[in-house]
Amino acid sequence: MTPSRPDRSTVTAAAQAHEVAARAARAERAPNRLPVGQLAYDTRREWPGVVMDHIGEYVWLRPPGGGVEWTARPDEVEPAGSVLDGELPGEILKARVATTNSRSRRELL
């Protein structure tokens, strides 16, 4: 006895349920995903950095004034405001000025 093939609506419903479950699993793994461009703080290295990207299971950070990027695990990265209480506005201003100046000189950070 051969098993019967499921009809198209059953396959479509199963695919949609799988997509919903996969989306929920991704959201659960990365609940505190910081947006690209936000000033963050790497708690392991104790360095501030700008979030550049999320690739795989790592967050790519760059020093606020420009420089070499590094990776950190998402659980080691926090929004900079929660750690750098009084220093946050100055760090943001320095980072924005450095970015604007380099853009006006057509340089890469």
C-alpha atoms as a PDB file:
ATOM      1  CA  MET A   1       0.000   0.000   0.000  1.00  0.00           C
ATOM      2  CA  THR A   2       1.478   3.342  -1.040  1.00  0.00           C
ATOM      3  CA  PRO A   3       0.825   6.490   0.987  1.00  0.00           C
ATOM      4  CA  SER A   4      -1.344   9.117  -0.665  1.00  0.00           C
ATOM      5  CA  ARG A   5       0.153  12.441  -1.643  1.00  0.00           C
ATOM      6  CA  PRO A   6      -1.086  15.502   0.257  1.00  0.00           C
ATOM      7  CA  ASP A   7      -3.108  18.016  -1.701  1.00  0.00           C
ATOM      8  CA  ARG A   8      -1.804  21.476  -2.564  1.00  0.00           C
ATOM      9  CA  SER A   9      -3.658  23.294   0.248  1.00  0.00           C
ATOM     10  CA  THR A  10      -2.131  20.981   2.862  1.00  0.00           C
ATOM     11  CA  VAL A  11       1.373  21.588   1.507  1.00  0.00           C
ATOM     12  CA  THR A  12       0.789  25.360   1.387  1.00  0.00           C
ATOM     13  CA  ALA A  13      -0.528  25.416   4.963  1.00  0.00           C
ATOM     14  CA  ALA A  14       2.463  23.379   6.175  1.00  0.00           C
ATOM     15  CA  ALA A  15       4.916  25.713   4.398  1.00  0.00           C
ATOM     16  CA  GLN A  16       3.250  28.781   5.922  1.00  0.00           C
ATOM     17  CA  ALA A  17       3.301  27.229   9.395  1.00  0.00           C
ATOM     18  CA  HIS A  18       6.982  26.421   8.972  1.00  0.00           C
ATOM     19  CA  GLU A  19       7.757  30.006   7.918  1.00  0.00           C
ATOM     20  CA  VAL A  20       5.904  31.412  10.948  1.00  0.00           C
ATOM     21  CA  ALA A  21       7.757  29.040  13.286  1.00  0.00           C
ATOM     22  CA  ALA A  22      11.122  29.903  11.709  1.00  0.00           C
ATOM     23  CA  ARG A  23      10.421  33.645  12.046  1.00  0.00           C
ATOM     24  CA  ALA A  24       9.461  33.197  15.715  1.00  0.00           C
ATOM     25  CA  ALA A  25      12.619  31.182  16.387  1.00  0.00           C
ATOM     26  CA  ARG A  26      14.801  33.907  14.812  1.00  0.00           C
ATOM     27  CA  ALA A  27      13.058  36.590  16.881  1.00  0.00           C
ATOM     28  CA  GLU A  28      13.555  34.541  20.046  1.00  0.00           C
ATOM     29  CA  ARG A  29      17.278  34.088  19.365  1.00  0.00           C
ATOM     30  CA  ALA A  30      17.822  37.818  18.754  1.00  0.00           C
ATOM     31  CA  PRO A  31      15.375  39.695  21.009  1.00  0.00           C
ATOM     32  CA  ASN A  32      17.749  42.613  21.683  1.00  0.00           C
ATOM     33  CA  ARG A  33      19.047  43.115  18.168  1.00  0.00           C
ATOM     34  CA  LEU A  34      20.368  46.661  18.019  1.00  0.00           C
ATOM     35  CA  PRO A  35      19.753  48.622  14.826  1.00  0.00           C
ATOM     36  CA  VAL A  36      22.640  49.367  12.475  1.00  0.00           C
ATOM     37  CA  GLY A  37      24.160  52.762  13.267  1.00  0.00           C
ATOM     38  CA  GLN A  38      23.319  52.723  16.989  1.00  0.00           C
ATOM     39  CA  LEU A  39      26.044  53.441  19.504  1.00  0.00           C
ATOM     40  CA  ALA A  40      26.590  50.295  21.573  1.00  0.00           C
ATOM     41  CA  TYR A  41      28.911  49.018  24.282  1.00  0.00           C
ATOM     42  CA  ASP A  42      30.856  45.750  24.102  1.00  0.00           C
ATOM     43  CA  THR A  43      30.752  44.519  27.713  1.00  0.00           C
ATOM     44  CA  ARG A  44      33.469  41.896  27.235  1.00  0.00           C
ATOM     45  CA  ARG A  45      36.052  44.288  25.776  1.00  0.00           C
ATOM     46  CA  GLU A  46      34.620  47.328  27.590  1.00  0.00           C
ATOM     47  CA  TRP A  47      34.688  49.405  24.391  1.00  0.00           C
ATOM     48  CA  PRO A  48      32.006  51.597  22.844  1.00  0.00           C
ATOM     49  CA  GLY A  49      31.240  50.957  19.182  1.00  0.00           C
ATOM     50  CA  VAL A  50      28.792  51.664  16.399  1.00  0.00           C
ATOM     51  CA  VAL A  51      26.732  48.690  15.197  1.00  0.00           C
ATOM     52  CA  MET A  52      27.703  48.079  11.573  1.00  0.00           C
ATOM     53  CA  ASP A  53      25.926  44.789  10.775  1.00  0.00           C
ATOM     54  CA  HIS A  54      24.556  41.510  12.083  1.00  0.00           C
ATOM     55  CA  ILE A  55      26.117  38.547  10.281  1.00  0.00           C
ATOM     56  CA  GLY A  56      25.402  35.042  11.459  1.00  0.00           C
ATOM     57  CA  GLU A  57      25.507  34.952  15.213  1.00  0.00           C
ATOM     58  CA  TYR A  58      27.804  37.979  15.583  1.00  0.00           C
ATOM     59  CA  VAL A  59      27.403  41.752  15.789  1.00  0.00           C
ATOM     60  CA  TRP A  60      29.970  43.786  13.863  1.00  0.00           C
ATOM     61  CA  LEU A  61      31.072  46.941  15.704  1.00  0.00           C
ATOM     62  CA  ARG A  62      33.361  49.829  14.745  1.00  0.00           C
ATOM     63  CA  PRO A  63      34.910  52.487  17.002  1.00  0.00           C
ATOM     64  CA  PRO A  64      32.733  55.639  17.060  1.00  0.00           C
ATOM     65  CA  GLY A  65      35.383  57.800  15.359  1.00  0.00           C
ATOM     66  CA  GLY A  66      36.224  55.197  12.718  1.00  0.00           C
ATOM     67  CA  GLY A  67      38.689  52.361  12.645  1.00  0.00           C
ATOM     68  CA  VAL A  68      38.935  48.599  12.404  1.00  0.00           C
ATOM     69  CA  GLU A  69      35.733  46.634  12.989  1.00  0.00           C
ATOM     70  CA  TRP A  70      35.448  43.765  15.449  1.00  0.00           C
ATOM     71  CA  THR A  71      32.859  41.142  16.240  1.00  0.00           C
ATOM     72  CA  ALA A  72      30.987  40.446  19.450  1.00  0.00           C
ATOM     73  CA  ARG A  73      28.311  38.027  20.519  1.00  0.00           C
ATOM     74  CA  PRO A  74      24.854  39.646  20.795  1.00  0.00           C
ATOM     75  CA  ASP A  75      24.629  38.875  24.523  1.00  0.00           C
ATOM     76  CA  GLU A  76      27.827  40.927  25.076  1.00  0.00           C
ATOM     77  CA  VAL A  77      26.500  44.065  23.354  1.00  0.00           C
ATOM     78  CA  GLU A  78      24.255  46.614  25.074  1.00  0.00           C
ATOM     79  CA  PRO A  79      22.919  50.019  24.041  1.00  0.00           C
ATOM     80  CA  ALA A  80      25.560  52.550  25.051  1.00  0.00           C
ATOM     81  CA  GLY A  81      23.083  54.662  27.034  1.00  0.00           C
ATOM     82  CA  SER A  82      22.658  51.906  29.590  1.00  0.00           C
ATOM     83  CA  VAL A  83      26.415  51.835  30.320  1.00  0.00           C
ATOM     84  CA  LEU A  84      27.888  55.227  29.384  1.00  0.00           C
ATOM     85  CA  ASP A  85      25.453  57.426  31.316  1.00  0.00           C
ATOM     86  CA  GLY A  86      27.093  60.837  31.096  1.00  0.00           C
ATOM     87  CA  GLU A  87      29.306  60.183  28.063  1.00  0.00           C
ATOM     88  CA  LEU A  88      26.661  59.196  25.526  1.00  0.00           C
ATOM     89  CA  PRO A  89      25.920  62.598  23.928  1.00  0.00           C
ATOM     90  CA  GLY A  90      29.616  63.419  23.443  1.00  0.00           C
ATOM     91  CA  GLU A  91      30.385  60.018  21.906  1.00  0.00           C
ATOM     92  CA  ILE A  92      27.459  60.327  19.505  1.00  0.00           C
ATOM     93  CA  LEU A  93      28.478  63.846  18.515  1.00  0.00           C
ATOM     94  CA  LYS A  94      32.117  62.786  17.924  1.00  0.00           C
ATOM     95  CA  ALA A  95      31.023  59.836  15.815  1.00  0.00           C
ATOM     96  CA  ARG A  96      28.676  61.936  13.690  1.00  0.00           C
ATOM     97  CA  VAL A  97      31.279  64.663  13.173  1.00  0.00           C
ATOM     98  CA  ALA A  98      33.915  62.076  12.173  1.00  0.00           C
ATOM     99  CA  THR A  99      31.505  60.453   9.722  1.00  0.00           C
ATOM    100  CA  THR A 100      30.490  63.794   8.216  1.00  0.00           C
ATOM    101  CA  ASN A 101      34.100  64.979   7.897  1.00  0.00           C
ATOM    102  CA  SER A 102      35.244  61.766   6.242  1.00  0.00           C
ATOM    103  CA  ARG A 103      32.297  61.866   3.860  1.00  0.00           C
ATOM    104  CA  SER A 104      33.145  65.445   2.871  1.00  0.00           C
ATOM    105  CA  ARG A 105      36.741  64.325   2.122  1.00  0.00           C
ATOM    106  CA  ARG A 106      35.409  61.257   0.287  1.00  0.00           C
ATOM    107  CA  GLU A 107      37.307  58.969   2.650  1.00  0.00           C
ATOM    108  CA  LEU A 108      36.262  55.623   4.009  1.00  0.00           C
ATOM    109  CA  LEU A 109      35.941  55.099   7.739  1.00  0.00           C
END
